[in-house]
Amino acid sequence: MNTFSKNLNPRAFDAIKAGTKRIEIRANKNSTGKTSFNNIKEGDFIIFQKKGFDEKLKCLVKRKTLYKSVKELLEKEGTKYTLSSTNDIEKGIQSIESIGDYKRLIAKNGVFAVEIEYPC
């Protein structure tokens, strides 16, 4: 088991804490660095830090699935536990693809759905 540290925006962090977000979505950057989502496996832990705050959550990784697109991910995983800003698939796609270079990375490498459990 490994432990990874990742930053989260306050809305997503609070949704995980409240139990309304159980799937973390990350672009597959196809990197091999030791903190990369490519290395996260079932049974590992992720410590999420709330951006701009000292608050942290330790979550257990239950599953990691790679999808070809955000649309495929949201159609298979649903929006209830994946999105913290909307339940609309099209708005969810736009929101996720607007993050940094996610649109390009996802088109090239796919996107991860990481099912987490909090508290663990």
PDB file of N, CA and C in Angstrom:
ATOM      1  N   MET A   1       0.834  -1.186   0.000  1.00  0.00           N
ATOM      2  CA  MET A   1       0.000   0.000   0.000  1.00  0.00           C
ATOM      3  C   MET A   1       0.878   1.248   0.000  1.00  0.00           C
ATOM      4  N   ASN A   2       0.496   2.196  -0.832  1.00  0.00           N
ATOM      5  CA  ASN A   2       1.193   3.475  -0.915  1.00  0.00           C
ATOM      6  C   ASN A   2       0.234   4.594  -0.541  1.00  0.00           C
ATOM      7  N   THR A   3       0.779   5.727  -0.169  1.00  0.00           N
ATOM      8  CA  THR A   3      -0.018   6.908   0.150  1.00  0.00           C
ATOM      9  C   THR A   3       0.403   8.037  -0.772  1.00  0.00           C
ATOM     10  N   PHE A   4      -0.584   8.661  -1.403  1.00  0.00           N
ATOM     11  CA  PHE A   4      -0.374   9.756  -2.338  1.00  0.00           C
ATOM     12  C   PHE A   4      -0.990  11.023  -1.766  1.00  0.00           C
ATOM     13  N   SER A   5      -0.425  12.167  -2.065  1.00  0.00           N
ATOM     14  CA  SER A   5      -0.966  13.453  -1.630  1.00  0.00           C
ATOM     15  C   SER A   5      -1.406  14.236  -2.855  1.00  0.00           C
ATOM     16  N   LYS A   6      -2.623  14.774  -2.802  1.00  0.00           N
ATOM     17  CA  LYS A   6      -3.171  15.542  -3.918  1.00  0.00           C
ATOM     18  C   LYS A   6      -3.941  16.744  -3.385  1.00  0.00           C
ATOM     19  N   ASN A   7      -3.883  17.851  -4.099  1.00  0.00           N
ATOM     20  CA  ASN A   7      -4.658  19.039  -3.762  1.00  0.00           C
ATOM     21  C   ASN A   7      -6.026  18.963  -4.408  1.00  0.00           C
ATOM     22  N   LEU A   8      -7.018  19.545  -3.732  1.00  0.00           N
ATOM     23  CA  LEU A   8      -8.381  19.592  -4.266  1.00  0.00           C
ATOM     24  C   LEU A   8      -8.959  20.977  -4.045  1.00  0.00           C
ATOM     25  N   ASN A   9      -9.799  21.408  -4.975  1.00  0.00           N
ATOM     26  CA  ASN A   9     -10.494  22.670  -4.762  1.00  0.00           C
ATOM     27  C   ASN A   9     -11.476  22.490  -3.600  1.00  0.00           C
ATOM     28  N   PRO A  10     -11.818  23.560  -2.911  1.00  0.00           N
ATOM     29  CA  PRO A  10     -12.672  23.446  -1.728  1.00  0.00           C
ATOM     30  C   PRO A  10     -14.017  22.777  -1.982  1.00  0.00           C
ATOM     31  N   ARG A  11     -14.662  23.038  -3.123  1.00  0.00           N
ATOM     32  CA  ARG A  11     -15.973  22.435  -3.398  1.00  0.00           C
ATOM     33  C   ARG A  11     -15.879  20.910  -3.472  1.00  0.00           C
ATOM     34  N   ALA A  12     -14.900  20.394  -4.214  1.00  0.00           N
ATOM     35  CA  ALA A  12     -14.730  18.941  -4.338  1.00  0.00           C
ATOM     36  C   ALA A  12     -14.321  18.335  -2.991  1.00  0.00           C
ATOM     37  N   PHE A  13     -13.435  19.006  -2.275  1.00  0.00           N
ATOM     38  CA  PHE A  13     -12.989  18.538  -0.962  1.00  0.00           C
ATOM     39  C   PHE A  13     -14.185  18.405  -0.019  1.00  0.00           C
ATOM     40  N   ASP A  14     -15.007  19.447   0.050  1.00  0.00           N
ATOM     41  CA  ASP A  14     -16.166  19.432   0.943  1.00  0.00           C
ATOM     42  C   ASP A  14     -17.177  18.358   0.538  1.00  0.00           C
ATOM     43  N   ALA A  15     -17.308  18.102  -0.769  1.00  0.00           N
ATOM     44  CA  ALA A  15     -18.227  17.065  -1.241  1.00  0.00           C
ATOM     45  C   ALA A  15     -17.739  15.673  -0.835  1.00  0.00           C
ATOM     46  N   ILE A  16     -16.432  15.439  -0.895  1.00  0.00           N
ATOM     47  CA  ILE A  16     -15.886  14.153  -0.431  1.00  0.00           C
ATOM     48  C   ILE A  16     -16.125  14.011   1.061  1.00  0.00           C
ATOM     49  N   LYS A  17     -15.862  15.069   1.800  1.00  0.00           N
ATOM     50  CA  LYS A  17     -16.054  15.050   3.254  1.00  0.00           C
ATOM     51  C   LYS A  17     -17.515  14.759   3.612  1.00  0.00           C
ATOM     52  N   ALA A  18     -18.451  15.304   2.842  1.00  0.00           N
ATOM     53  CA  ALA A  18     -19.877  15.111   3.088  1.00  0.00           C
ATOM     54  C   ALA A  18     -20.391  13.762   2.572  1.00  0.00           C
ATOM     55  N   GLY A  19     -19.561  13.054   1.792  1.00  0.00           N
ATOM     56  CA  GLY A  19     -19.974  11.761   1.248  1.00  0.00           C
ATOM     57  C   GLY A  19     -20.753  11.847  -0.046  1.00  0.00           C
ATOM     58  N   THR A  20     -20.833  13.027  -0.638  1.00  0.00           N
ATOM     59  CA  THR A  20     -21.586  13.174  -1.883  1.00  0.00           C
ATOM     60  C   THR A  20     -20.704  13.035  -3.126  1.00  0.00           C
ATOM     61  N   LYS A  21     -19.394  12.987  -2.938  1.00  0.00           N
ATOM     62  CA  LYS A  21     -18.454  12.743  -4.052  1.00  0.00           C
ATOM     63  C   LYS A  21     -17.616  11.539  -3.673  1.00  0.00           C
ATOM     64  N   ARG A  22     -17.730  10.474  -4.464  1.00  0.00           N
ATOM     65  CA  ARG A  22     -17.009   9.231  -4.179  1.00  0.00           C
ATOM     66  C   ARG A  22     -16.079   8.816  -5.305  1.00  0.00           C
ATOM     67  N   ILE A  23     -16.103   9.587  -6.378  1.00  0.00           N
ATOM     68  CA  ILE A  23     -15.252   9.303  -7.531  1.00  0.00           C
ATOM     69  C   ILE A  23     -14.429  10.553  -7.829  1.00  0.00           C
ATOM     70  N   GLU A  24     -13.107  10.420  -7.778  1.00  0.00           N
ATOM     71  CA  GLU A  24     -12.224  11.526  -8.155  1.00  0.00           C
ATOM     72  C   GLU A  24     -11.849  11.319  -9.621  1.00  0.00           C
ATOM     73  N   ILE A  25     -11.963  12.380 -10.405  1.00  0.00           N
ATOM     74  CA  ILE A  25     -11.696  12.327 -11.838  1.00  0.00           C
ATOM     75  C   ILE A  25     -10.380  13.046 -12.116  1.00  0.00           C
ATOM     76  N   ARG A  26      -9.476  12.367 -12.809  1.00  0.00           N
ATOM     77  CA  ARG A  26      -8.183  12.964 -13.161  1.00  0.00           C
ATOM     78  C   ARG A  26      -7.791  12.562 -14.570  1.00  0.00           C
ATOM     79  N   ALA A  27      -7.268  13.518 -15.320  1.00  0.00           N
ATOM     80  CA  ALA A  27      -6.745  13.225 -16.660  1.00  0.00           C
ATOM     81  C   ALA A  27      -5.564  12.273 -16.530  1.00  0.00           C
ATOM     82  N   ASN A  28      -5.459  11.350 -17.462  1.00  0.00           N
ATOM     83  CA  ASN A  28      -4.304  10.451 -17.512  1.00  0.00           C
ATOM     84  C   ASN A  28      -3.162  11.218 -18.169  1.00  0.00           C
ATOM     85  N   LYS A  29      -2.215  11.625 -17.348  1.00  0.00           N
ATOM     86  CA  LYS A  29      -1.067  12.370 -17.867  1.00  0.00           C
ATOM     87  C   LYS A  29       0.000  11.434 -18.406  1.00  0.00           C
ATOM     88  N   ASN A  30      -0.248  10.119 -18.263  1.00  0.00           N
ATOM     89  CA  ASN A  30       0.654   9.095 -18.777  1.00  0.00           C
ATOM     90  C   ASN A  30       2.073   9.316 -18.267  1.00  0.00           C
ATOM     91  N   SER A  31       2.169   9.739 -17.010  1.00  0.00           N
ATOM     92  CA  SER A  31       3.484   9.980 -16.416  1.00  0.00           C
ATOM     93  C   SER A  31       3.824   8.847 -15.446  1.00  0.00           C
ATOM     94  N   THR A  32       5.086   8.733 -15.156  1.00  0.00           N
ATOM     95  CA  THR A  32       5.540   7.660 -14.274  1.00  0.00           C
ATOM     96  C   THR A  32       6.131   8.186 -12.973  1.00  0.00           C
ATOM     97  N   GLY A  33       5.966   9.491 -12.726  1.00  0.00           N
ATOM     98  CA  GLY A  33       6.468  10.061 -11.479  1.00  0.00           C
ATOM     99  C   GLY A  33       5.832   9.389 -10.273  1.00  0.00           C
ATOM    100  N   LYS A  34       6.524   9.415  -9.147  1.00  0.00           N
ATOM    101  CA  LYS A  34       6.047   8.650  -7.997  1.00  0.00           C
ATOM    102  C   LYS A  34       4.735   9.161  -7.421  1.00  0.00           C
ATOM    103  N   THR A  35       4.303  10.396  -7.749  1.00  0.00           N
ATOM    104  CA  THR A  35       3.021  10.898  -7.256  1.00  0.00           C
ATOM    105  C   THR A  35       1.918  10.826  -8.315  1.00  0.00           C
ATOM    106  N   SER A  36       2.205  10.228  -9.466  1.00  0.00           N
ATOM    107  CA  SER A  36       1.274  10.168 -10.582  1.00  0.00           C
ATOM    108  C   SER A  36       0.069   9.273 -10.289  1.00  0.00           C
ATOM    109  N   PHE A  37      -1.105   9.685 -10.800  1.00  0.00           N
ATOM    110  CA  PHE A  37      -2.302   8.850 -10.683  1.00  0.00           C
ATOM    111  C   PHE A  37      -2.119   7.528 -11.426  1.00  0.00           C
ATOM    112  N   ASN A  38      -1.191   7.466 -12.367  1.00  0.00           N
ATOM    113  CA  ASN A  38      -0.932   6.207 -13.063  1.00  0.00           C
ATOM    114  C   ASN A  38      -0.465   5.123 -12.091  1.00  0.00           C
ATOM    115  N   ASN A  39       0.154   5.530 -10.986  1.00  0.00           N
ATOM    116  CA  ASN A  39       0.696   4.571 -10.023  1.00  0.00           C
ATOM    117  C   ASN A  39      -0.275   4.183  -8.924  1.00  0.00           C
ATOM    118  N   ILE A  40      -1.391   4.871  -8.790  1.00  0.00           N
ATOM    119  CA  ILE A  40      -2.352   4.574  -7.732  1.00  0.00           C
ATOM    120  C   ILE A  40      -3.057   3.262  -8.032  1.00  0.00           C
ATOM    121  N   LYS A  41      -3.182   2.454  -6.977  1.00  0.00           N
ATOM    122  CA  LYS A  41      -3.825   1.138  -7.113  1.00  0.00           C
ATOM    123  C   LYS A  41      -4.860   0.940  -6.011  1.00  0.00           C
ATOM    124  N   GLU A  42      -5.745  -0.015  -6.229  1.00  0.00           N
ATOM    125  CA  GLU A  42      -6.713  -0.392  -5.210  1.00  0.00           C
ATOM    126  C   GLU A  42      -5.974  -0.726  -3.914  1.00  0.00           C
ATOM    127  N   GLY A  43      -6.469  -0.211  -2.803  1.00  0.00           N
ATOM    128  CA  GLY A  43      -5.850  -0.453  -1.505  1.00  0.00           C
ATOM    129  C   GLY A  43      -4.878   0.639  -1.078  1.00  0.00           C
ATOM    130  N   ASP A  44      -4.496   1.520  -2.009  1.00  0.00           N
ATOM    131  CA  ASP A  44      -3.647   2.660  -1.667  1.00  0.00           C
ATOM    132  C   ASP A  44      -4.494   3.718  -0.968  1.00  0.00           C
ATOM    133  N   PHE A  45      -3.815   4.740  -0.449  1.00  0.00           N
ATOM    134  CA  PHE A  45      -4.488   5.858   0.192  1.00  0.00           C
ATOM    135  C   PHE A  45      -4.135   7.146  -0.545  1.00  0.00           C
ATOM    136  N   ILE A  46      -5.098   8.069  -0.551  1.00  0.00           N
ATOM    137  CA  ILE A  46      -4.861   9.410  -1.061  1.00  0.00           C
ATOM    138  C   ILE A  46      -5.184  10.379   0.065  1.00  0.00           C
ATOM    139  N   ILE A  47      -4.251  11.263   0.358  1.00  0.00           N
ATOM    140  CA  ILE A  47      -4.510  12.327   1.316  1.00  0.00           C
ATOM    141  C   ILE A  47      -4.774  13.586   0.494  1.00  0.00           C
ATOM    142  N   PHE A  48      -6.014  14.049   0.551  1.00  0.00           N
ATOM    143  CA  PHE A  48      -6.398  15.256  -0.165  1.00  0.00           C
ATOM    144  C   PHE A  48      -6.237  16.458   0.748  1.00  0.00           C
ATOM    145  N   GLN A  49      -5.589  17.498   0.232  1.00  0.00           N
ATOM    146  CA  GLN A  49      -5.455  18.772   0.953  1.00  0.00           C
ATOM    147  C   GLN A  49      -6.394  19.767   0.304  1.00  0.00           C
ATOM    148  N   LYS A  50      -7.177  20.429   1.137  1.00  0.00           N
ATOM    149  CA  LYS A  50      -8.090  21.463   0.662  1.00  0.00           C
ATOM    150  C   LYS A  50      -7.277  22.696   0.290  1.00  0.00           C
ATOM    151  N   LYS A  51      -7.302  23.086  -0.997  1.00  0.00           N
ATOM    152  CA  LYS A  51      -6.511  24.230  -1.477  1.00  0.00           C
ATOM    153  C   LYS A  51      -6.830  25.482  -0.665  1.00  0.00           C
ATOM    154  N   GLY A  52      -5.760  26.114  -0.173  1.00  0.00           N
ATOM    155  CA  GLY A  52      -5.915  27.341   0.586  1.00  0.00           C
ATOM    156  C   GLY A  52      -6.188  27.137   2.065  1.00  0.00           C
ATOM    157  N   PHE A  53      -6.247  25.880   2.503  1.00  0.00           N
ATOM    158  CA  PHE A  53      -6.549  25.558   3.897  1.00  0.00           C
ATOM    159  C   PHE A  53      -5.590  24.475   4.384  1.00  0.00           C
ATOM    160  N   ASP A  54      -5.556  24.266   5.689  1.00  0.00           N
ATOM    161  CA  ASP A  54      -4.718  23.208   6.267  1.00  0.00           C
ATOM    162  C   ASP A  54      -5.453  21.879   6.384  1.00  0.00           C
ATOM    163  N   GLU A  55      -6.723  21.848   6.059  1.00  0.00           N
ATOM    164  CA  GLU A  55      -7.549  20.657   6.252  1.00  0.00           C
ATOM    165  C   GLU A  55      -7.183  19.551   5.258  1.00  0.00           C
ATOM    166  N   LYS A  56      -7.166  18.309   5.761  1.00  0.00           N
ATOM    167  CA  LYS A  56      -6.831  17.149   4.925  1.00  0.00           C
ATOM    168  C   LYS A  56      -7.822  16.024   5.170  1.00  0.00           C
ATOM    169  N   LEU A  57      -7.980  15.174   4.158  1.00  0.00           N
ATOM    170  CA  LEU A  57      -8.804  13.964   4.245  1.00  0.00           C
ATOM    171  C   LEU A  57      -7.976  12.781   3.772  1.00  0.00           C
ATOM    172  N   LYS A  58      -8.028  11.696   4.508  1.00  0.00           N
ATOM    173  CA  LYS A  58      -7.354  10.470   4.082  1.00  0.00           C
ATOM    174  C   LYS A  58      -8.415   9.518   3.544  1.00  0.00           C
ATOM    175  N   CYS A  59      -8.247   9.116   2.281  1.00  0.00           N
ATOM    176  CA  CYS A  59      -9.225   8.278   1.594  1.00  0.00           C
ATOM    177  C   CYS A  59      -8.576   6.986   1.100  1.00  0.00           C
ATOM    178  N   LEU A  60      -9.340   5.917   1.158  1.00  0.00           N
ATOM    179  CA  LEU A  60      -8.913   4.618   0.640  1.00  0.00           C
ATOM    180  C   LEU A  60      -9.314   4.506  -0.823  1.00  0.00           C
ATOM    181  N   VAL A  61      -8.414   4.026  -1.659  1.00  0.00           N
ATOM    182  CA  VAL A  61      -8.723   3.793  -3.071  1.00  0.00           C
ATOM    183  C   VAL A  61      -9.374   2.420  -3.200  1.00  0.00           C
ATOM    184  N   LYS A  62     -10.625   2.422  -3.639  1.00  0.00           N
ATOM    185  CA  LYS A  62     -11.362   1.172  -3.817  1.00  0.00           C
ATOM    186  C   LYS A  62     -11.209   0.611  -5.226  1.00  0.00           C
ATOM    187  N   ARG A  63     -11.066   1.535  -6.207  1.00  0.00           N
ATOM    188  CA  ARG A  63     -11.000   1.110  -7.608  1.00  0.00           C
ATOM    189  C   ARG A  63     -10.480   2.253  -8.442  1.00  0.00           C
ATOM    190  N   LYS A  64      -9.773   1.923  -9.523  1.00  0.00           N
ATOM    191  CA  LYS A  64      -9.337   2.912 -10.512  1.00  0.00           C
ATOM    192  C   LYS A  64      -9.673   2.358 -11.886  1.00  0.00           C
ATOM    193  N   THR A  65     -10.414   3.157 -12.669  1.00  0.00           N
ATOM    194  CA  THR A  65     -10.825   2.744 -14.005  1.00  0.00           C
ATOM    195  C   THR A  65     -10.405   3.814 -15.001  1.00  0.00           C
ATOM    196  N   LEU A  66      -9.821   3.389 -16.115  1.00  0.00           N
ATOM    197  CA  LEU A  66      -9.430   4.308 -17.175  1.00  0.00           C
ATOM    198  C   LEU A  66     -10.497   4.299 -18.265  1.00  0.00           C
ATOM    199  N   TYR A  67     -10.979   5.492 -18.608  1.00  0.00           N
ATOM    200  CA  TYR A  67     -11.968   5.653 -19.672  1.00  0.00           C
ATOM    201  C   TYR A  67     -11.340   6.433 -20.828  1.00  0.00           C
ATOM    202  N   LYS A  68     -11.917   6.274 -22.015  1.00  0.00           N
ATOM    203  CA  LYS A  68     -11.404   6.964 -23.197  1.00  0.00           C
ATOM    204  C   LYS A  68     -11.770   8.449 -23.198  1.00  0.00           C
ATOM    205  N   SER A  69     -12.911   8.783 -22.561  1.00  0.00           N
ATOM    206  CA  SER A  69     -13.380  10.170 -22.581  1.00  0.00           C
ATOM    207  C   SER A  69     -14.147  10.477 -21.300  1.00  0.00           C
ATOM    208  N   VAL A  70     -14.325  11.759 -21.045  1.00  0.00           N
ATOM    209  CA  VAL A  70     -15.122  12.186 -19.891  1.00  0.00           C
ATOM    210  C   VAL A  70     -16.573  11.760 -20.096  1.00  0.00           C
ATOM    211  N   LYS A  71     -17.065  11.857 -21.326  1.00  0.00           N
ATOM    212  CA  LYS A  71     -18.446  11.450 -21.611  1.00  0.00           C
ATOM    213  C   LYS A  71     -18.657   9.984 -21.267  1.00  0.00           C
ATOM    214  N   GLU A  72     -17.741   9.114 -21.694  1.00  0.00           N
ATOM    215  CA  GLU A  72     -17.851   7.686 -21.380  1.00  0.00           C
ATOM    216  C   GLU A  72     -17.817   7.478 -19.858  1.00  0.00           C
ATOM    217  N   LEU A  73     -16.912   8.166 -19.179  1.00  0.00           N
ATOM    218  CA  LEU A  73     -16.805   8.048 -17.721  1.00  0.00           C
ATOM    219  C   LEU A  73     -18.118   8.425 -17.058  1.00  0.00           C
ATOM    220  N   LEU A  74     -18.669   9.591 -17.418  1.00  0.00           N
ATOM    221  CA  LEU A  74     -19.890  10.055 -16.766  1.00  0.00           C
ATOM    222  C   LEU A  74     -21.106   9.206 -17.126  1.00  0.00           C
ATOM    223  N   GLU A  75     -21.134   8.671 -18.347  1.00  0.00           N
ATOM    224  CA  GLU A  75     -22.232   7.792 -18.726  1.00  0.00           C
ATOM    225  C   GLU A  75     -22.187   6.472 -17.947  1.00  0.00           C
ATOM    226  N   LYS A  76     -21.001   5.954 -17.685  1.00  0.00           N
ATOM    227  CA  LYS A  76     -20.871   4.679 -16.960  1.00  0.00           C
ATOM    228  C   LYS A  76     -20.903   4.854 -15.451  1.00  0.00           C
ATOM    229  N   GLU A  77     -20.268   5.915 -14.943  1.00  0.00           N
ATOM    230  CA  GLU A  77     -20.187   6.135 -13.497  1.00  0.00           C
ATOM    231  C   GLU A  77     -21.376   6.939 -12.971  1.00  0.00           C
ATOM    232  N   GLY A  78     -22.047   7.669 -13.858  1.00  0.00           N
ATOM    233  CA  GLY A  78     -23.123   8.555 -13.433  1.00  0.00           C
ATOM    234  C   GLY A  78     -22.550   9.872 -12.925  1.00  0.00           C
ATOM    235  N   THR A  79     -23.438  10.802 -12.590  1.00  0.00           N
ATOM    236  CA  THR A  79     -22.999  12.110 -12.117  1.00  0.00           C
ATOM    237  C   THR A  79     -23.161  12.271 -10.608  1.00  0.00           C
ATOM    238  N   LYS A  80     -23.967  11.428  -9.993  1.00  0.00           N
ATOM    239  CA  LYS A  80     -24.313  11.599  -8.576  1.00  0.00           C
ATOM    240  C   LYS A  80     -23.094  11.663  -7.666  1.00  0.00           C
ATOM    241  N   TYR A  81     -22.126  10.771  -7.857  1.00  0.00           N
ATOM    242  CA  TYR A  81     -20.961  10.716  -6.978  1.00  0.00           C
ATOM    243  C   TYR A  81     -19.666  11.162  -7.658  1.00  0.00           C
ATOM    244  N   THR A  82     -19.764  11.650  -8.906  1.00  0.00           N
ATOM    245  CA  THR A  82     -18.554  12.056  -9.633  1.00  0.00           C
ATOM    246  C   THR A  82     -18.362  13.559  -9.682  1.00  0.00           C
ATOM    247  N   LEU A  83     -19.452  14.295  -9.786  1.00  0.00           N
ATOM    248  CA  LEU A  83     -19.370  15.743  -9.971  1.00  0.00           C
ATOM    249  C   LEU A  83     -19.828  16.472  -8.715  1.00  0.00           C
ATOM    250  N   SER A  84     -19.120  17.533  -8.371  1.00  0.00           N
ATOM    251  CA  SER A  84     -19.515  18.322  -7.201  1.00  0.00           C
ATOM    252  C   SER A  84     -20.179  19.635  -7.603  1.00  0.00           C
ATOM    253  N   SER A  85     -20.225  19.927  -8.917  1.00  0.00           N
ATOM    254  CA  SER A  85     -20.760  21.214  -9.348  1.00  0.00           C
ATOM    255  C   SER A  85     -22.081  21.126 -10.105  1.00  0.00           C
ATOM    256  N   THR A  86     -22.385  19.972 -10.672  1.00  0.00           N
ATOM    257  CA  THR A  86     -23.589  19.841 -11.501  1.00  0.00           C
ATOM    258  C   THR A  86     -23.950  18.362 -11.637  1.00  0.00           C
ATOM    259  N   ASN A  87     -25.184  18.091 -12.044  1.00  0.00           N
ATOM    260  CA  ASN A  87     -25.585  16.723 -12.382  1.00  0.00           C
ATOM    261  C   ASN A  87     -25.788  16.569 -13.884  1.00  0.00           C
ATOM    262  N   ASP A  88     -25.505  17.621 -14.633  1.00  0.00           N
ATOM    263  CA  ASP A  88     -25.663  17.636 -16.079  1.00  0.00           C
ATOM    264  C   ASP A  88     -24.382  17.118 -16.742  1.00  0.00           C
ATOM    265  N   ILE A  89     -24.503  16.063 -17.532  1.00  0.00           N
ATOM    266  CA  ILE A  89     -23.334  15.444 -18.161  1.00  0.00           C
ATOM    267  C   ILE A  89     -22.583  16.439 -19.050  1.00  0.00           C
ATOM    268  N   GLU A  90     -23.288  17.171 -19.896  1.00  0.00           N
ATOM    269  CA  GLU A  90     -22.615  18.098 -20.808  1.00  0.00           C
ATOM    270  C   GLU A  90     -21.877  19.206 -20.045  1.00  0.00           C
ATOM    271  N   LYS A  91     -22.506  19.746 -19.005  1.00  0.00           N
ATOM    272  CA  LYS A  91     -21.836  20.768 -18.187  1.00  0.00           C
ATOM    273  C   LYS A  91     -20.652  20.164 -17.443  1.00  0.00           C
ATOM    274  N   GLY A  92     -20.790  18.908 -17.013  1.00  0.00           N
ATOM    275  CA  GLY A  92     -19.696  18.214 -16.341  1.00  0.00           C
ATOM    276  C   GLY A  92     -18.501  18.024 -17.267  1.00  0.00           C
ATOM    277  N   ILE A  93     -18.768  17.636 -18.504  1.00  0.00           N
ATOM    278  CA  ILE A  93     -17.698  17.471 -19.503  1.00  0.00           C
ATOM    279  C   ILE A  93     -16.979  18.802 -19.705  1.00  0.00           C
ATOM    280  N   GLN A  94     -17.754  19.872 -19.895  1.00  0.00           N
ATOM    281  CA  GLN A  94     -17.162  21.199 -20.104  1.00  0.00           C
ATOM    282  C   GLN A  94     -16.322  21.607 -18.899  1.00  0.00           C
ATOM    283  N   SER A  95     -16.825  21.365 -17.707  1.00  0.00           N
ATOM    284  CA  SER A  95     -16.108  21.755 -16.484  1.00  0.00           C
ATOM    285  C   SER A  95     -14.781  21.008 -16.356  1.00  0.00           C
ATOM    286  N   ILE A  96     -14.817  19.708 -16.556  1.00  0.00           N
ATOM    287  CA  ILE A  96     -13.605  18.893 -16.423  1.00  0.00           C
ATOM    288  C   ILE A  96     -12.592  19.238 -17.511  1.00  0.00           C
ATOM    289  N   GLU A  97     -13.065  19.371 -18.747  1.00  0.00           N
ATOM    290  CA  GLU A  97     -12.154  19.665 -19.854  1.00  0.00           C
ATOM    291  C   GLU A  97     -11.601  21.092 -19.815  1.00  0.00           C
ATOM    292  N   SER A  98     -12.169  21.953 -18.980  1.00  0.00           N
ATOM    293  CA  SER A  98     -11.665  23.330 -18.871  1.00  0.00           C
ATOM    294  C   SER A  98     -10.496  23.446 -17.898  1.00  0.00           C
ATOM    295  N   ILE A  99     -10.170  22.369 -17.194  1.00  0.00           N
ATOM    296  CA  ILE A  99      -9.066  22.380 -16.231  1.00  0.00           C
ATOM    297  C   ILE A  99      -7.743  22.272 -16.985  1.00  0.00           C
ATOM    298  N   GLY A 100      -6.897  23.285 -16.839  1.00  0.00           N
ATOM    299  CA  GLY A 100      -5.556  23.258 -17.446  1.00  0.00           C
ATOM    300  C   GLY A 100      -5.547  22.688 -18.846  1.00  0.00           C
ATOM    301  N   ASP A 101      -4.721  21.654 -19.057  1.00  0.00           N
ATOM    302  CA  ASP A 101      -4.642  21.015 -20.376  1.00  0.00           C
ATOM    303  C   ASP A 101      -5.358  19.658 -20.378  1.00  0.00           C
ATOM    304  N   TYR A 102      -6.373  19.502 -19.512  1.00  0.00           N
ATOM    305  CA  TYR A 102      -7.121  18.245 -19.420  1.00  0.00           C
ATOM    306  C   TYR A 102      -7.720  17.811 -20.755  1.00  0.00           C
ATOM    307  N   LYS A 103      -8.295  18.740 -21.520  1.00  0.00           N
ATOM    308  CA  LYS A 103      -8.958  18.361 -22.774  1.00  0.00           C
ATOM    309  C   LYS A 103      -7.974  17.650 -23.702  1.00  0.00           C
ATOM    310  N   ARG A 104      -6.785  18.209 -23.861  1.00  0.00           N
ATOM    311  CA  ARG A 104      -5.761  17.610 -24.726  1.00  0.00           C
ATOM    312  C   ARG A 104      -5.281  16.280 -24.153  1.00  0.00           C
ATOM    313  N   LEU A 105      -4.994  16.255 -22.848  1.00  0.00           N
ATOM    314  CA  LEU A 105      -4.488  15.028 -22.217  1.00  0.00           C
ATOM    315  C   LEU A 105      -5.501  13.893 -22.290  1.00  0.00           C
ATOM    316  N   ILE A 106      -6.764  14.208 -22.035  1.00  0.00           N
ATOM    317  CA  ILE A 106      -7.803  13.176 -22.063  1.00  0.00           C
ATOM    318  C   ILE A 106      -7.993  12.649 -23.480  1.00  0.00           C
ATOM    319  N   ALA A 107      -7.985  13.533 -24.477  1.00  0.00           N
ATOM    320  CA  ALA A 107      -8.114  13.092 -25.876  1.00  0.00           C
ATOM    321  C   ALA A 107      -6.974  12.147 -26.246  1.00  0.00           C
ATOM    322  N   LYS A 108      -5.800  12.396 -25.699  1.00  0.00           N
ATOM    323  CA  LYS A 108      -4.618  11.590 -26.017  1.00  0.00           C
ATOM    324  C   LYS A 108      -4.514  10.310 -25.178  1.00  0.00           C
ATOM    325  N   ASN A 109      -4.782  10.421 -23.851  1.00  0.00           N
ATOM    326  CA  ASN A 109      -4.491   9.313 -22.926  1.00  0.00           C
ATOM    327  C   ASN A 109      -5.672   8.761 -22.146  1.00  0.00           C
ATOM    328  N   GLY A 110      -6.816   9.428 -22.181  1.00  0.00           N
ATOM    329  CA  GLY A 110      -7.963   8.979 -21.403  1.00  0.00           C
ATOM    330  C   GLY A 110      -8.046   9.672 -20.047  1.00  0.00           C
ATOM    331  N   VAL A 111      -9.016   9.230 -19.255  1.00  0.00           N
ATOM    332  CA  VAL A 111      -9.310   9.870 -17.975  1.00  0.00           C
ATOM    333  C   VAL A 111      -9.605   8.803 -16.917  1.00  0.00           C
ATOM    334  N   PHE A 112      -9.080   9.023 -15.717  1.00  0.00           N
ATOM    335  CA  PHE A 112      -9.278   8.073 -14.618  1.00  0.00           C
ATOM    336  C   PHE A 112     -10.501   8.428 -13.784  1.00  0.00           C
ATOM    337  N   ALA A 113     -11.229   7.408 -13.387  1.00  0.00           N
ATOM    338  CA  ALA A 113     -12.243   7.499 -12.335  1.00  0.00           C
ATOM    339  C   ALA A 113     -11.674   6.706 -11.174  1.00  0.00           C
ATOM    340  N   VAL A 114     -11.398   7.386 -10.069  1.00  0.00           N
ATOM    341  CA  VAL A 114     -10.815   6.725  -8.899  1.00  0.00           C
ATOM    342  C   VAL A 114     -11.883   6.722  -7.810  1.00  0.00           C
ATOM    343  N   GLU A 115     -12.406   5.529  -7.526  1.00  0.00           N
ATOM    344  CA  GLU A 115     -13.411   5.414  -6.472  1.00  0.00           C
ATOM    345  C   GLU A 115     -12.703   5.422  -5.126  1.00  0.00           C
ATOM    346  N   ILE A 116     -13.163   6.321  -4.245  1.00  0.00           N
ATOM    347  CA  ILE A 116     -12.532   6.474  -2.945  1.00  0.00           C
ATOM    348  C   ILE A 116     -13.551   6.248  -1.826  1.00  0.00           C
ATOM    349  N   GLU A 117     -13.021   5.955  -0.670  1.00  0.00           N
ATOM    350  CA  GLU A 117     -13.858   5.779   0.523  1.00  0.00           C
ATOM    351  C   GLU A 117     -13.351   6.712   1.602  1.00  0.00           C
ATOM    352  N   TYR A 118     -14.279   7.525   2.145  1.00  0.00           N
ATOM    353  CA  TYR A 118     -13.967   8.407   3.258  1.00  0.00           C
ATOM    354  C   TYR A 118     -15.153   8.397   4.199  1.00  0.00           C
ATOM    355  N   PRO A 119     -14.963   8.272   5.506  1.00  0.00           N
ATOM    356  CA  PRO A 119     -13.672   7.973   6.124  1.00  0.00           C
ATOM    357  C   PRO A 119     -13.278   6.531   5.863  1.00  0.00           C
ATOM    358  N   CYS A 120     -12.000   6.283   5.960  1.00  0.00           N
ATOM    359  CA  CYS A 120     -11.511   4.930   5.684  1.00  0.00           C
ATOM    360  C   CYS A 120     -11.051   4.255   6.968  1.00  0.00           C
TER     361      CYS A 120
END
